[in-house]
């Protein structure tokens, strides 16, 4: 078994920044459902299974429909997402993949 990094021990400052960003987003006026989609899509792109699982559970808990979560990785091939959601997901991909140019 591979040892895992203790994020709180080695990255406490970064974790604090992430919590601050989350708090800002919660107070931003963006719909919770949109925030869930953006976070889940970024986690899919980043290949973080832990994060994907966490964001799926949070979204389901807050009432997101499972079908939309299943189709999120192919959001641009289905009409199930609103124009606003599509713009947010396009932005998410651009920002998450910024190193790709």
Protein backbone atom coordinates (compact mmCIF):
# COMPACT_ATOMS: atom_id res chain seq x y z
CA UNK A 1 0.00 0.00 0.00
CA UNK A 2 1.27 3.48 -0.83
CA UNK A 3 1.58 6.03 1.94
CA UNK A 4 -0.64 9.07 1.50
CA UNK A 5 0.35 12.65 2.03
CA UNK A 6 -0.97 14.22 5.21
CA UNK A 7 -2.33 17.42 3.67
CA UNK A 8 -3.07 19.08 6.99
CA UNK A 9 0.48 18.47 8.19
CA UNK A 10 2.33 19.41 5.01
CA UNK A 11 -0.06 21.83 3.37
CA UNK A 12 -1.95 23.56 6.14
CA UNK A 13 -1.50 27.01 4.57
CA UNK A 14 -2.84 25.80 1.22
CA UNK A 15 -5.80 24.10 2.91
CA UNK A 16 -6.63 27.36 4.68
CA UNK A 17 -6.65 29.15 1.32
CA UNK A 18 -8.96 26.50 -0.15
CA UNK A 19 -11.33 26.91 2.78
CA UNK A 20 -11.28 30.68 2.28
CA UNK A 21 -12.11 30.25 -1.42
CA UNK A 22 -14.96 27.90 -0.52
CA UNK A 23 -16.35 30.41 1.97
CA UNK A 24 -16.12 33.16 -0.64
CA UNK A 25 -17.98 31.00 -3.17
CA UNK A 26 -20.70 30.20 -0.64
CA UNK A 27 -21.25 33.94 -0.17
CA UNK A 28 -20.90 34.83 -3.86
CA UNK A 29 -24.51 34.41 -4.89
CA UNK A 30 -23.72 31.57 -7.30
CA UNK A 31 -26.25 28.78 -7.07
CA UNK A 32 -25.16 25.80 -5.03
CA UNK A 33 -25.98 23.47 -7.93
CA UNK A 34 -23.66 25.41 -10.25
CA UNK A 35 -20.87 25.37 -7.68
CA UNK A 36 -21.26 21.60 -7.37
CA UNK A 37 -21.03 21.10 -11.13
CA UNK A 38 -17.93 23.29 -11.43
CA UNK A 39 -16.10 21.60 -8.56
CA UNK A 40 -17.01 18.13 -9.79
CA UNK A 41 -15.94 18.88 -13.38
CA UNK A 42 -12.58 20.27 -12.22
CA UNK A 43 -12.04 17.16 -10.09
CA UNK A 44 -12.85 14.92 -13.06
CA UNK A 45 -10.29 16.75 -15.19
CA UNK A 46 -7.70 16.59 -12.43
CA UNK A 47 -8.25 12.86 -12.03
CA UNK A 48 -8.87 13.03 -8.29
CA UNK A 49 -11.07 10.05 -7.40
CA UNK A 50 -11.39 11.17 -3.77
CA UNK A 51 -12.55 14.63 -4.87
CA UNK A 52 -14.97 13.26 -7.48
CA UNK A 53 -16.56 10.97 -4.90
CA UNK A 54 -16.81 13.79 -2.36
CA UNK A 55 -18.35 16.26 -4.83
CA UNK A 56 -20.83 13.67 -6.17
CA UNK A 57 -21.99 12.89 -2.62
CA UNK A 58 -22.33 16.59 -1.79
CA UNK A 59 -24.27 17.30 -4.99
CA UNK A 60 -26.63 14.37 -4.44
CA UNK A 61 -27.15 15.42 -0.83
CA UNK A 62 -28.15 18.90 -2.05
CA UNK A 63 -30.65 17.50 -4.56
CA UNK A 64 -28.73 17.29 -7.82
CA UNK A 65 -30.17 14.70 -10.22
CA UNK A 66 -27.92 11.64 -10.69
CA UNK A 67 -28.35 11.71 -14.48
CA UNK A 68 -26.79 15.16 -14.67
CA UNK A 69 -23.82 13.98 -12.63
CA UNK A 70 -23.37 10.93 -14.86
CA UNK A 71 -23.38 13.14 -17.96
CA UNK A 72 -21.13 15.87 -16.60
CA UNK A 73 -17.97 14.57 -18.28
CA UNK A 74 -19.75 14.92 -21.64
CA UNK A 75 -21.66 18.10 -20.78
CA UNK A 76 -21.08 19.60 -24.23
CA UNK A 77 -22.78 16.64 -25.94
CA UNK A 78 -26.10 16.79 -24.11
CA UNK A 79 -28.87 19.40 -23.79
CA UNK A 80 -29.42 18.58 -20.09
CA UNK A 81 -27.33 21.56 -18.92
CA UNK A 82 -28.56 25.14 -19.16
CA UNK A 83 -26.70 27.77 -21.16
CA UNK A 84 -25.47 29.31 -17.90
CA UNK A 85 -24.16 25.93 -16.74
CA UNK A 86 -22.50 25.30 -20.09
CA UNK A 87 -20.68 28.63 -19.90
CA UNK A 88 -19.52 27.85 -16.36
CA UNK A 89 -18.33 24.38 -17.40
CA UNK A 90 -16.49 25.78 -20.42
CA UNK A 91 -14.78 28.29 -18.12
CA UNK A 92 -13.95 25.51 -15.65
CA UNK A 93 -12.27 23.47 -18.35
CA UNK A 94 -10.32 26.47 -19.65
CA UNK A 95 -9.04 27.38 -16.19
CA UNK A 96 -8.32 23.81 -15.13
CA UNK A 97 -6.48 23.02 -18.36
CA UNK A 98 -4.65 26.38 -18.54
CA UNK A 99 -1.25 24.67 -18.73
CA UNK A 100 -2.35 23.08 -22.03
CA UNK A 101 -2.59 26.50 -23.66
